[in-house]
Amino acid sequence: MAVLVNKDSKVLVQGFTGTEGTFHATQMIEYGTNVVGGVTPNKGGTTHLDRPVFNTVADAVKATNANVSIIFVPPAFAADAIMEAADAGIGLVVCITEGIPVQDMVKVKNYLVGSNTRLIGPNCPGVITAGECKVGIMPGFVFKEGRIGIVSKSGTLTYEAADQVAKAGLGISTAIGIGGDPIIGTPTKEAVELLMNDPETDAIVMIGEIGGGMEAEAANWIKATGNKKPVVGFIAGQTAPPGRRMGHAGAIVGGADDTAEAKMKIMSECGIHVVSSPADIGKTMAEVLKK
């Protein structure tokens, strides 16, 4: 079993018949993902992309036994869509939507406490297990099969890291784009932990950015558990001026430990192989694995 998703995952698309949902569901199907249907209120009983459309997630789960959902729902309704999926018993919810109000995500985070649903995102590229299943918006062709896991706050850098790893003659087991908002479902440490416990992953690329303390938390956990697998790390935003919000909503430098420099120092001290440019991720990983 790969991390989070594999060829047996039964994937549902919420916001299935919209422009984004249609485009990316088509790409996911072409990649080989088992998309079993979709949800668009008031369009239940119709078909779209040769898949059934349902009015609610509960109806869809009953008919298809879906266990993974991907959300392409506008920001105003996305939080409700996440909670609806959790209510219907979906085990993994991937929310692509950007711009969900923070207050809505506070409700979602509280709602999911104690539930069996794991949320990836929002404002993320999704999850891909190379060669098996793509639940997201990443370009599938970049992800060659292999044994390197990726955890990233940045969508674009997820693809860049995968490309670098492939060029170094290695490949990807599972890549998890955790999202760049202040409140997300699965923080860096939890995603790293999944890959650390995966027998099909030999090493991990961990990509963070300025703002928040997730990378430091993950680095300290990696050290505390004995650096079981090599980790190559990169922090985006090294040239960002202090106190400025950059790019993602979560990339706000508040204190001294939120800067790229501070995070890179903590990661190095915890035994992570930190690179100062994303262009060095692949070759550094190849060198580390040779040791």
C-alpha atoms as a PDB file:
ATOM      1  CA  MET A   1       0.000   0.000   0.000  1.00  0.00           C
ATOM      2  CA  ALA A   2       1.422   3.337  -1.005  1.00  0.00           C
ATOM      3  CA  VAL A   3       0.900   6.358   1.225  1.00  0.00           C
ATOM      4  CA  LEU A   4      -2.667   7.771   1.202  1.00  0.00           C
ATOM      5  CA  VAL A   5      -3.667   6.686  -2.336  1.00  0.00           C
ATOM      6  CA  ASN A   6      -2.973   3.786  -4.687  1.00  0.00           C
ATOM      7  CA  LYS A   7      -4.413   2.029  -7.735  1.00  0.00           C
ATOM      8  CA  ASP A   8      -7.282   0.645  -5.635  1.00  0.00           C
ATOM      9  CA  SER A   9      -8.437   4.061  -4.336  1.00  0.00           C
ATOM     10  CA  LYS A  10     -12.005   4.881  -5.389  1.00  0.00           C
ATOM     11  CA  VAL A  11     -12.030   8.598  -6.083  1.00  0.00           C
ATOM     12  CA  LEU A  12     -14.984  10.958  -6.071  1.00  0.00           C
ATOM     13  CA  VAL A  13     -14.855  14.478  -7.536  1.00  0.00           C
ATOM     14  CA  GLN A  14     -16.848  17.195  -5.718  1.00  0.00           C
ATOM     15  CA  GLY A  15     -17.602  20.014  -8.132  1.00  0.00           C
ATOM     16  CA  PHE A  16     -17.380  17.402 -10.881  1.00  0.00           C
ATOM     17  CA  THR A  17     -19.227  19.191 -13.685  1.00  0.00           C
ATOM     18  CA  GLY A  18     -17.578  22.612 -13.253  1.00  0.00           C
ATOM     19  CA  THR A  19     -14.737  23.799 -15.501  1.00  0.00           C
ATOM     20  CA  GLU A  20     -11.920  22.945 -13.063  1.00  0.00           C
ATOM     21  CA  GLY A  21     -13.493  19.684 -11.952  1.00  0.00           C
ATOM     22  CA  THR A  22     -14.013  18.557 -15.540  1.00  0.00           C
ATOM     23  CA  PHE A  23     -10.507  19.468 -16.703  1.00  0.00           C
ATOM     24  CA  HIS A  24      -8.645  17.863 -13.807  1.00  0.00           C
ATOM     25  CA  ALA A  25     -10.933  14.811 -13.522  1.00  0.00           C
ATOM     26  CA  THR A  26     -10.180  14.147 -17.207  1.00  0.00           C
ATOM     27  CA  GLN A  27      -6.437  14.326 -16.496  1.00  0.00           C
ATOM     28  CA  MET A  28      -6.794  12.061 -13.453  1.00  0.00           C
ATOM     29  CA  ILE A  29      -8.716   9.460 -15.461  1.00  0.00           C
ATOM     30  CA  GLU A  30      -6.081   9.602 -18.212  1.00  0.00           C
ATOM     31  CA  TYR A  31      -3.383   8.999 -15.578  1.00  0.00           C
ATOM     32  CA  GLY A  32      -5.173   5.804 -14.570  1.00  0.00           C
ATOM     33  CA  THR A  33      -6.860   7.021 -11.383  1.00  0.00           C
ATOM     34  CA  ASN A  34     -10.026   5.111 -10.526  1.00  0.00           C
ATOM     35  CA  VAL A  35     -12.526   8.006 -10.628  1.00  0.00           C
ATOM     36  CA  VAL A  36     -15.852   6.381  -9.729  1.00  0.00           C
ATOM     37  CA  GLY A  37     -18.137   9.409 -10.032  1.00  0.00           C
ATOM     38  CA  GLY A  38     -18.758  12.963  -8.966  1.00  0.00           C
ATOM     39  CA  VAL A  39     -21.003  15.256  -6.991  1.00  0.00           C
ATOM     40  CA  THR A  40     -22.807  18.341  -8.279  1.00  0.00           C
ATOM     41  CA  PRO A  41     -26.012  19.341  -6.447  1.00  0.00           C
ATOM     42  CA  ASN A  42     -29.139  19.218  -8.644  1.00  0.00           C
ATOM     43  CA  LYS A  43     -27.360  17.193 -11.339  1.00  0.00           C
ATOM     44  CA  GLY A  44     -27.798  13.779  -9.708  1.00  0.00           C
ATOM     45  CA  GLY A  45     -28.848  11.017 -12.090  1.00  0.00           C
ATOM     46  CA  THR A  46     -26.890  12.429 -15.033  1.00  0.00           C
ATOM     47  CA  THR A  47     -23.501  11.264 -16.313  1.00  0.00           C
ATOM     48  CA  HIS A  48     -20.348  13.271 -16.938  1.00  0.00           C
ATOM     49  CA  LEU A  49     -17.087  11.965 -18.467  1.00  0.00           C
ATOM     50  CA  ASP A  50     -18.864   8.577 -18.605  1.00  0.00           C
ATOM     51  CA  ARG A  51     -19.131   8.609 -14.803  1.00  0.00           C
ATOM     52  CA  PRO A  52     -22.308   8.953 -12.688  1.00  0.00           C
ATOM     53  CA  VAL A  53     -23.146  12.298 -11.069  1.00  0.00           C
ATOM     54  CA  PHE A  54     -24.770  12.424  -7.628  1.00  0.00           C
ATOM     55  CA  ASN A  55     -26.527  15.165  -5.657  1.00  0.00           C
ATOM     56  CA  THR A  56     -24.704  14.411  -2.401  1.00  0.00           C
ATOM     57  CA  VAL A  57     -21.514  12.707  -1.240  1.00  0.00           C
ATOM     58  CA  ALA A  58     -23.617  10.295   0.866  1.00  0.00           C
ATOM     59  CA  ASP A  59     -25.479   9.148  -2.273  1.00  0.00           C
ATOM     60  CA  ALA A  60     -22.198   8.745  -4.135  1.00  0.00           C
ATOM     61  CA  VAL A  61     -20.575   6.695  -1.358  1.00  0.00           C
ATOM     62  CA  LYS A  62     -23.615   4.441  -1.129  1.00  0.00           C
ATOM     63  CA  ALA A  63     -23.522   3.743  -4.876  1.00  0.00           C
ATOM     64  CA  THR A  64     -19.761   3.567  -5.508  1.00  0.00           C
ATOM     65  CA  ASN A  65     -18.044   2.815  -2.153  1.00  0.00           C
ATOM     66  CA  ALA A  66     -15.781   5.808  -2.809  1.00  0.00           C
ATOM     67  CA  ASN A  67     -13.099   6.277  -0.137  1.00  0.00           C
ATOM     68  CA  VAL A  68     -11.238   9.338  -1.485  1.00  0.00           C
ATOM     69  CA  SER A  69     -12.681  12.705  -2.480  1.00  0.00           C
ATOM     70  CA  ILE A  70     -11.139  15.640  -4.321  1.00  0.00           C
ATOM     71  CA  ILE A  71     -12.777  19.056  -4.011  1.00  0.00           C
ATOM     72  CA  PHE A  72     -13.075  21.629  -6.809  1.00  0.00           C
ATOM     73  CA  VAL A  73     -15.738  23.737  -5.113  1.00  0.00           C
ATOM     74  CA  PRO A  74     -15.678  27.580  -4.987  1.00  0.00           C
ATOM     75  CA  PRO A  75     -14.207  29.081  -1.761  1.00  0.00           C
ATOM     76  CA  ALA A  76     -17.568  30.111  -0.263  1.00  0.00           C
ATOM     77  CA  PHE A  77     -18.853  26.503  -0.314  1.00  0.00           C
ATOM     78  CA  ALA A  78     -15.632  24.491   0.004  1.00  0.00           C
ATOM     79  CA  ALA A  79     -15.654  24.165   3.815  1.00  0.00           C
ATOM     80  CA  ASP A  80     -19.163  22.679   3.651  1.00  0.00           C
ATOM     81  CA  ALA A  81     -17.961  20.302   0.940  1.00  0.00           C
ATOM     82  CA  ILE A  82     -15.126  19.053   3.181  1.00  0.00           C
ATOM     83  CA  MET A  83     -17.497  18.494   6.107  1.00  0.00           C
ATOM     84  CA  GLU A  84     -20.039  16.772   3.856  1.00  0.00           C
ATOM     85  CA  ALA A  85     -17.342  14.339   2.670  1.00  0.00           C
ATOM     86  CA  ALA A  86     -16.303  13.633   6.283  1.00  0.00           C
ATOM     87  CA  ASP A  87     -19.945  13.085   7.230  1.00  0.00           C
ATOM     88  CA  ALA A  88     -20.294  10.511   4.446  1.00  0.00           C
ATOM     89  CA  GLY A  89     -17.316   8.559   5.798  1.00  0.00           C
ATOM     90  CA  ILE A  90     -14.723   9.450   3.150  1.00  0.00           C
ATOM     91  CA  GLY A  91     -11.297   8.525   4.567  1.00  0.00           C
ATOM     92  CA  LEU A  92      -9.164  10.959   2.577  1.00  0.00           C
ATOM     93  CA  VAL A  93     -10.326  14.387   1.404  1.00  0.00           C
ATOM     94  CA  VAL A  94      -8.085  16.444  -0.877  1.00  0.00           C
ATOM     95  CA  CYS A  95      -9.167  20.079  -1.148  1.00  0.00           C
ATOM     96  CA  ILE A  96      -7.664  21.996  -4.066  1.00  0.00           C
ATOM     97  CA  THR A  97      -9.692  25.194  -3.528  1.00  0.00           C
ATOM     98  CA  GLU A  98      -7.722  28.363  -2.864  1.00  0.00           C
ATOM     99  CA  GLY A  99      -9.070  31.333  -0.904  1.00  0.00           C
ATOM    100  CA  ILE A 100     -11.248  29.567   1.690  1.00  0.00           C
ATOM    101  CA  PRO A 101     -11.843  32.061   4.543  1.00  0.00           C
ATOM    102  CA  VAL A 102      -9.693  31.283   7.596  1.00  0.00           C
ATOM    103  CA  GLN A 103     -12.784  31.315   9.822  1.00  0.00           C
ATOM    104  CA  ASP A 104     -14.315  28.556   7.689  1.00  0.00           C
ATOM    105  CA  MET A 105     -11.157  26.457   8.023  1.00  0.00           C
ATOM    106  CA  VAL A 106     -11.200  26.877  11.821  1.00  0.00           C
ATOM    107  CA  LYS A 107     -14.676  25.293  11.776  1.00  0.00           C
ATOM    108  CA  VAL A 108     -13.495  22.482   9.493  1.00  0.00           C
ATOM    109  CA  LYS A 109     -10.435  21.748  11.636  1.00  0.00           C
ATOM    110  CA  ASN A 110     -12.608  21.483  14.758  1.00  0.00           C
ATOM    111  CA  TYR A 111     -15.207  19.429  12.912  1.00  0.00           C
ATOM    112  CA  LEU A 112     -12.609  16.840  11.850  1.00  0.00           C
ATOM    113  CA  VAL A 113     -11.257  16.301  15.381  1.00  0.00           C
ATOM    114  CA  GLY A 114     -11.994  12.709  16.340  1.00  0.00           C
ATOM    115  CA  SER A 115     -13.224  11.772  12.860  1.00  0.00           C
ATOM    116  CA  ASN A 116     -11.613   9.126  10.634  1.00  0.00           C
ATOM    117  CA  THR A 117     -11.184  11.606   7.794  1.00  0.00           C
ATOM    118  CA  ARG A 118      -7.772  12.962   6.843  1.00  0.00           C
ATOM    119  CA  LEU A 119      -7.747  16.302   4.996  1.00  0.00           C
ATOM    120  CA  ILE A 120      -4.973  17.286   2.598  1.00  0.00           C
ATOM    121  CA  GLY A 121      -5.025  20.998   1.763  1.00  0.00           C
ATOM    122  CA  PRO A 122      -6.769  23.302   1.118  1.00  0.00           C
ATOM    123  CA  ASN A 123      -4.933  25.396  -1.482  1.00  0.00           C
ATOM    124  CA  CYS A 124      -2.797  22.423  -2.461  1.00  0.00           C
ATOM    125  CA  PRO A 125      -1.822  20.455  -5.587  1.00  0.00           C
ATOM    126  CA  GLY A 126      -2.993  17.152  -4.075  1.00  0.00           C
ATOM    127  CA  VAL A 127      -1.418  13.705  -3.679  1.00  0.00           C
ATOM    128  CA  ILE A 128       0.135  11.421  -6.269  1.00  0.00           C
ATOM    129  CA  THR A 129       1.482   7.901  -6.004  1.00  0.00           C
ATOM    130  CA  ALA A 130       3.628   7.655  -9.114  1.00  0.00           C
ATOM    131  CA  GLY A 131       2.310   5.302 -11.776  1.00  0.00           C
ATOM    132  CA  GLU A 132      -0.775   4.390  -9.741  1.00  0.00           C
ATOM    133  CA  CYS A 133      -3.049   7.225  -8.706  1.00  0.00           C
ATOM    134  CA  LYS A 134      -3.194  11.002  -9.054  1.00  0.00           C
ATOM    135  CA  VAL A 135      -5.626  12.909  -6.849  1.00  0.00           C
ATOM    136  CA  GLY A 136      -4.795  16.477  -7.701  1.00  0.00           C
ATOM    137  CA  ILE A 137      -3.736  18.984 -10.321  1.00  0.00           C
ATOM    138  CA  MET A 138      -0.060  18.110 -10.743  1.00  0.00           C
ATOM    139  CA  PRO A 139       1.347  17.237 -14.194  1.00  0.00           C
ATOM    140  CA  GLY A 140       1.450  13.440 -13.957  1.00  0.00           C
ATOM    141  CA  PHE A 141       4.231  12.915 -16.504  1.00  0.00           C
ATOM    142  CA  VAL A 142       6.796  14.586 -14.211  1.00  0.00           C
ATOM    143  CA  PHE A 143       6.403  11.899 -11.526  1.00  0.00           C
ATOM    144  CA  LYS A 144       8.510   8.866 -12.435  1.00  0.00           C
ATOM    145  CA  GLU A 145       8.069   5.776 -10.275  1.00  0.00           C
ATOM    146  CA  GLY A 146      10.640   5.246  -7.555  1.00  0.00           C
ATOM    147  CA  ARG A 147      11.309   5.300  -3.823  1.00  0.00           C
ATOM    148  CA  ILE A 148      11.658   8.982  -2.886  1.00  0.00           C
ATOM    149  CA  GLY A 149       8.764  10.669  -1.023  1.00  0.00           C
ATOM    150  CA  ILE A 150       7.995  14.389  -1.285  1.00  0.00           C
ATOM    151  CA  VAL A 151       6.253  16.647   1.246  1.00  0.00           C
ATOM    152  CA  SER A 152       5.775  20.223   0.080  1.00  0.00           C
ATOM    153  CA  LYS A 153       3.943  23.408   1.020  1.00  0.00           C
ATOM    154  CA  SER A 154       4.388  24.689  -2.546  1.00  0.00           C
ATOM    155  CA  GLY A 155       2.669  23.170  -5.560  1.00  0.00           C
ATOM    156  CA  THR A 156       5.165  24.307  -8.175  1.00  0.00           C
ATOM    157  CA  LEU A 157       8.131  23.206  -6.084  1.00  0.00           C
ATOM    158  CA  THR A 158       6.545  19.758  -5.718  1.00  0.00           C
ATOM    159  CA  TYR A 159       6.775  19.342  -9.492  1.00  0.00           C
ATOM    160  CA  GLU A 160      10.268  20.863  -9.591  1.00  0.00           C
ATOM    161  CA  ALA A 161      11.495  18.458  -6.893  1.00  0.00           C
ATOM    162  CA  ALA A 162       9.967  15.475  -8.714  1.00  0.00           C
ATOM    163  CA  ASP A 163      11.685  16.564 -11.936  1.00  0.00           C
ATOM    164  CA  GLN A 164      15.039  17.019 -10.156  1.00  0.00           C
ATOM    165  CA  VAL A 165      14.731  13.584  -8.526  1.00  0.00           C
ATOM    166  CA  ALA A 166      13.928  11.979 -11.907  1.00  0.00           C
ATOM    167  CA  LYS A 167      16.909  13.723 -13.569  1.00  0.00           C
ATOM    168  CA  ALA A 168      19.146  12.284 -10.834  1.00  0.00           C
ATOM    169  CA  GLY A 169      18.059   8.810 -11.928  1.00  0.00           C
ATOM    170  CA  LEU A 170      15.681   8.316  -9.024  1.00  0.00           C
ATOM    171  CA  GLY A 171      11.879   8.305  -8.850  1.00  0.00           C
ATOM    172  CA  ILE A 172       8.940   9.148  -6.613  1.00  0.00           C
ATOM    173  CA  SER A 173       6.934   6.873  -4.316  1.00  0.00           C
ATOM    174  CA  THR A 174       4.304   9.364  -3.147  1.00  0.00           C
ATOM    175  CA  ALA A 175       4.263  13.170  -3.279  1.00  0.00           C
ATOM    176  CA  ILE A 176       2.045  15.064  -0.837  1.00  0.00           C
ATOM    177  CA  GLY A 177       1.290  18.728  -1.490  1.00  0.00           C
ATOM    178  CA  ILE A 178       0.084  19.859   1.931  1.00  0.00           C
ATOM    179  CA  GLY A 179      -1.060  23.369   0.922  1.00  0.00           C
ATOM    180  CA  GLY A 180       0.040  26.880   1.741  1.00  0.00           C
ATOM    181  CA  ASP A 181      -2.779  28.257   3.906  1.00  0.00           C
ATOM    182  CA  PRO A 182      -2.448  29.165   7.593  1.00  0.00           C
ATOM    183  CA  ILE A 183      -4.806  26.316   8.576  1.00  0.00           C
ATOM    184  CA  ILE A 184      -4.378  23.033   6.736  1.00  0.00           C
ATOM    185  CA  GLY A 185      -5.557  19.498   7.387  1.00  0.00           C
ATOM    186  CA  THR A 186      -2.218  17.657   7.409  1.00  0.00           C
ATOM    187  CA  PRO A 187       0.859  19.585   8.608  1.00  0.00           C
ATOM    188  CA  THR A 188       4.435  18.854   7.495  1.00  0.00           C
ATOM    189  CA  LYS A 189       5.269  16.555  10.424  1.00  0.00           C
ATOM    190  CA  GLU A 190       2.255  14.288   9.844  1.00  0.00           C
ATOM    191  CA  ALA A 191       2.989  13.997   6.120  1.00  0.00           C
ATOM    192  CA  VAL A 192       6.666  13.241   6.815  1.00  0.00           C
ATOM    193  CA  GLU A 193       5.612  10.645   9.393  1.00  0.00           C
ATOM    194  CA  LEU A 194       3.455   8.844   6.790  1.00  0.00           C
ATOM    195  CA  LEU A 195       6.451   8.584   4.451  1.00  0.00           C
ATOM    196  CA  MET A 196       8.846   7.590   7.261  1.00  0.00           C
ATOM    197  CA  ASN A 197       6.517   4.660   8.028  1.00  0.00           C
ATOM    198  CA  ASP A 198       6.131   3.647   4.366  1.00  0.00           C
ATOM    199  CA  PRO A 199       8.250   0.590   3.453  1.00  0.00           C
ATOM    200  CA  GLU A 200       8.244   1.684  -0.200  1.00  0.00           C
ATOM    201  CA  THR A 201       9.891   5.053   0.550  1.00  0.00           C
ATOM    202  CA  ASP A 202      13.685   5.141   1.102  1.00  0.00           C
ATOM    203  CA  ALA A 203      14.223   8.893   1.526  1.00  0.00           C
ATOM    204  CA  ILE A 204      12.221  12.126   1.715  1.00  0.00           C
ATOM    205  CA  VAL A 205      12.317  15.589   0.164  1.00  0.00           C
ATOM    206  CA  MET A 206      10.801  18.163   2.525  1.00  0.00           C
ATOM    207  CA  ILE A 207       9.971  21.561   1.040  1.00  0.00           C
ATOM    208  CA  GLY A 208       8.801  24.401   3.234  1.00  0.00           C
ATOM    209  CA  GLU A 209       8.576  28.162   3.081  1.00  0.00           C
ATOM    210  CA  ILE A 210       8.733  31.188   5.355  1.00  0.00           C
ATOM    211  CA  GLY A 211       5.999  31.633   7.964  1.00  0.00           C
ATOM    212  CA  GLY A 212       4.735  29.337  10.698  1.00  0.00           C
ATOM    213  CA  GLY A 213       6.568  26.657  12.620  1.00  0.00           C
ATOM    214  CA  MET A 214       5.648  23.461  10.753  1.00  0.00           C
ATOM    215  CA  GLU A 215       9.098  22.790   9.299  1.00  0.00           C
ATOM    216  CA  ALA A 216      10.841  23.189  12.667  1.00  0.00           C
ATOM    217  CA  GLU A 217       8.289  20.860  14.267  1.00  0.00           C
ATOM    218  CA  ALA A 218       8.885  18.249  11.566  1.00  0.00           C
ATOM    219  CA  ALA A 219      12.681  18.603  11.788  1.00  0.00           C
ATOM    220  CA  ASN A 220      12.665  18.143  15.558  1.00  0.00           C
ATOM    221  CA  TRP A 221      10.440  15.077  15.194  1.00  0.00           C
ATOM    222  CA  ILE A 222      12.776  13.581  12.552  1.00  0.00           C
ATOM    223  CA  LYS A 223      15.736  14.028  14.912  1.00  0.00           C
ATOM    224  CA  ALA A 224      13.825  12.768  17.968  1.00  0.00           C
ATOM    225  CA  THR A 225      12.843   9.557  16.170  1.00  0.00           C
ATOM    226  CA  GLY A 226      16.422   8.834  15.136  1.00  0.00           C
ATOM    227  CA  ASN A 227      16.690  10.126  11.548  1.00  0.00           C
ATOM    228  CA  LYS A 228      15.381   6.804  10.225  1.00  0.00           C
ATOM    229  CA  LYS A 229      15.534   7.877   6.575  1.00  0.00           C
ATOM    230  CA  PRO A 230      17.629  10.569   4.863  1.00  0.00           C
ATOM    231  CA  VAL A 231      15.784  13.872   4.326  1.00  0.00           C
ATOM    232  CA  VAL A 232      16.752  16.596   1.856  1.00  0.00           C
ATOM    233  CA  GLY A 233      15.188  19.953   2.746  1.00  0.00           C
ATOM    234  CA  PHE A 234      14.572  23.280   1.047  1.00  0.00           C
ATOM    235  CA  ILE A 235      12.920  26.463   2.316  1.00  0.00           C
ATOM    236  CA  ALA A 236      11.420  28.927  -0.169  1.00  0.00           C
ATOM    237  CA  GLY A 237      11.429  32.664   0.522  1.00  0.00           C
ATOM    238  CA  GLN A 238      15.068  33.233   1.411  1.00  0.00           C
ATOM    239  CA  THR A 239      14.984  36.764  -0.003  1.00  0.00           C
ATOM    240  CA  ALA A 240      11.653  37.783   1.533  1.00  0.00           C
ATOM    241  CA  PRO A 241      11.756  40.968   3.621  1.00  0.00           C
ATOM    242  CA  PRO A 242      10.915  40.360   7.318  1.00  0.00           C
ATOM    243  CA  GLY A 243       7.295  40.922   8.371  1.00  0.00           C
ATOM    244  CA  ARG A 244       5.931  40.769   4.826  1.00  0.00           C
ATOM    245  CA  ARG A 245       3.341  38.309   3.586  1.00  0.00           C
ATOM    246  CA  MET A 246       4.633  36.539   0.499  1.00  0.00           C
ATOM    247  CA  GLY A 247       2.838  34.207  -1.887  1.00  0.00           C
ATOM    248  CA  HIS A 248       0.775  31.770   0.141  1.00  0.00           C
ATOM    249  CA  ALA A 249      -1.584  32.983   2.837  1.00  0.00           C
ATOM    250  CA  GLY A 250       0.415  31.000   5.386  1.00  0.00           C
ATOM    251  CA  ALA A 251       3.731  32.569   4.397  1.00  0.00           C
ATOM    252  CA  ILE A 252       3.773  35.386   6.920  1.00  0.00           C
ATOM    253  CA  VAL A 253       6.989  35.976   8.830  1.00  0.00           C
ATOM    254  CA  GLY A 254       5.981  36.723  12.407  1.00  0.00           C
ATOM    255  CA  GLY A 255       8.980  36.004  14.608  1.00  0.00           C
ATOM    256  CA  ALA A 256      12.683  35.339  14.290  1.00  0.00           C
ATOM    257  CA  ASP A 257      12.105  31.595  13.840  1.00  0.00           C
ATOM    258  CA  ASP A 258       9.773  32.087  10.871  1.00  0.00           C
ATOM    259  CA  THR A 259      12.491  33.243   8.478  1.00  0.00           C
ATOM    260  CA  ALA A 260      13.997  30.956   5.831  1.00  0.00           C
ATOM    261  CA  GLU A 261      17.447  31.314   7.426  1.00  0.00           C
ATOM    262  CA  ALA A 262      16.203  30.260  10.890  1.00  0.00           C
ATOM    263  CA  LYS A 263      14.283  27.295   9.501  1.00  0.00           C
ATOM    264  CA  MET A 264      17.261  26.115   7.438  1.00  0.00           C
ATOM    265  CA  LYS A 265      19.486  26.327  10.543  1.00  0.00           C
ATOM    266  CA  ILE A 266      17.050  24.260  12.637  1.00  0.00           C
ATOM    267  CA  MET A 267      16.702  21.685   9.857  1.00  0.00           C
ATOM    268  CA  SER A 268      20.492  21.358   9.474  1.00  0.00           C
ATOM    269  CA  GLU A 269      20.915  20.952  13.226  1.00  0.00           C
ATOM    270  CA  CYS A 270      18.361  18.136  13.115  1.00  0.00           C
ATOM    271  CA  GLY A 271      20.353  16.191  10.529  1.00  0.00           C
ATOM    272  CA  ILE A 272      18.436  17.230   7.404  1.00  0.00           C
ATOM    273  CA  HIS A 273      20.498  17.826   4.259  1.00  0.00           C
ATOM    274  CA  VAL A 274      19.474  21.412   3.487  1.00  0.00           C
ATOM    275  CA  VAL A 275      19.958  22.845  -0.016  1.00  0.00           C
ATOM    276  CA  SER A 276      19.881  26.565  -0.763  1.00  0.00           C
ATOM    277  CA  SER A 277      18.438  26.138  -4.281  1.00  0.00           C
ATOM    278  CA  PRO A 278      15.710  23.817  -5.565  1.00  0.00           C
ATOM    279  CA  ALA A 279      18.044  23.023  -8.480  1.00  0.00           C
ATOM    280  CA  ASP A 280      20.228  21.040  -6.034  1.00  0.00           C
ATOM    281  CA  ILE A 281      17.473  18.767  -4.654  1.00  0.00           C
ATOM    282  CA  GLY A 282      17.972  15.852  -7.058  1.00  0.00           C
ATOM    283  CA  LYS A 283      21.761  15.689  -7.065  1.00  0.00           C
ATOM    284  CA  THR A 284      21.926  16.123  -3.272  1.00  0.00           C
ATOM    285  CA  MET A 285      19.473  13.247  -2.835  1.00  0.00           C
ATOM    286  CA  ALA A 286      21.551  11.032  -5.148  1.00  0.00           C
ATOM    287  CA  GLU A 287      24.717  11.882  -3.192  1.00  0.00           C
ATOM    288  CA  VAL A 288      23.061  11.243   0.171  1.00  0.00           C
ATOM    289  CA  LEU A 289      21.783   7.826  -0.930  1.00  0.00           C
ATOM    290  CA  LYS A 290      25.251   6.786  -2.117  1.00  0.00           C
ATOM    291  CA  LYS A 291      26.726   7.279   1.372  1.00  0.00           C
END
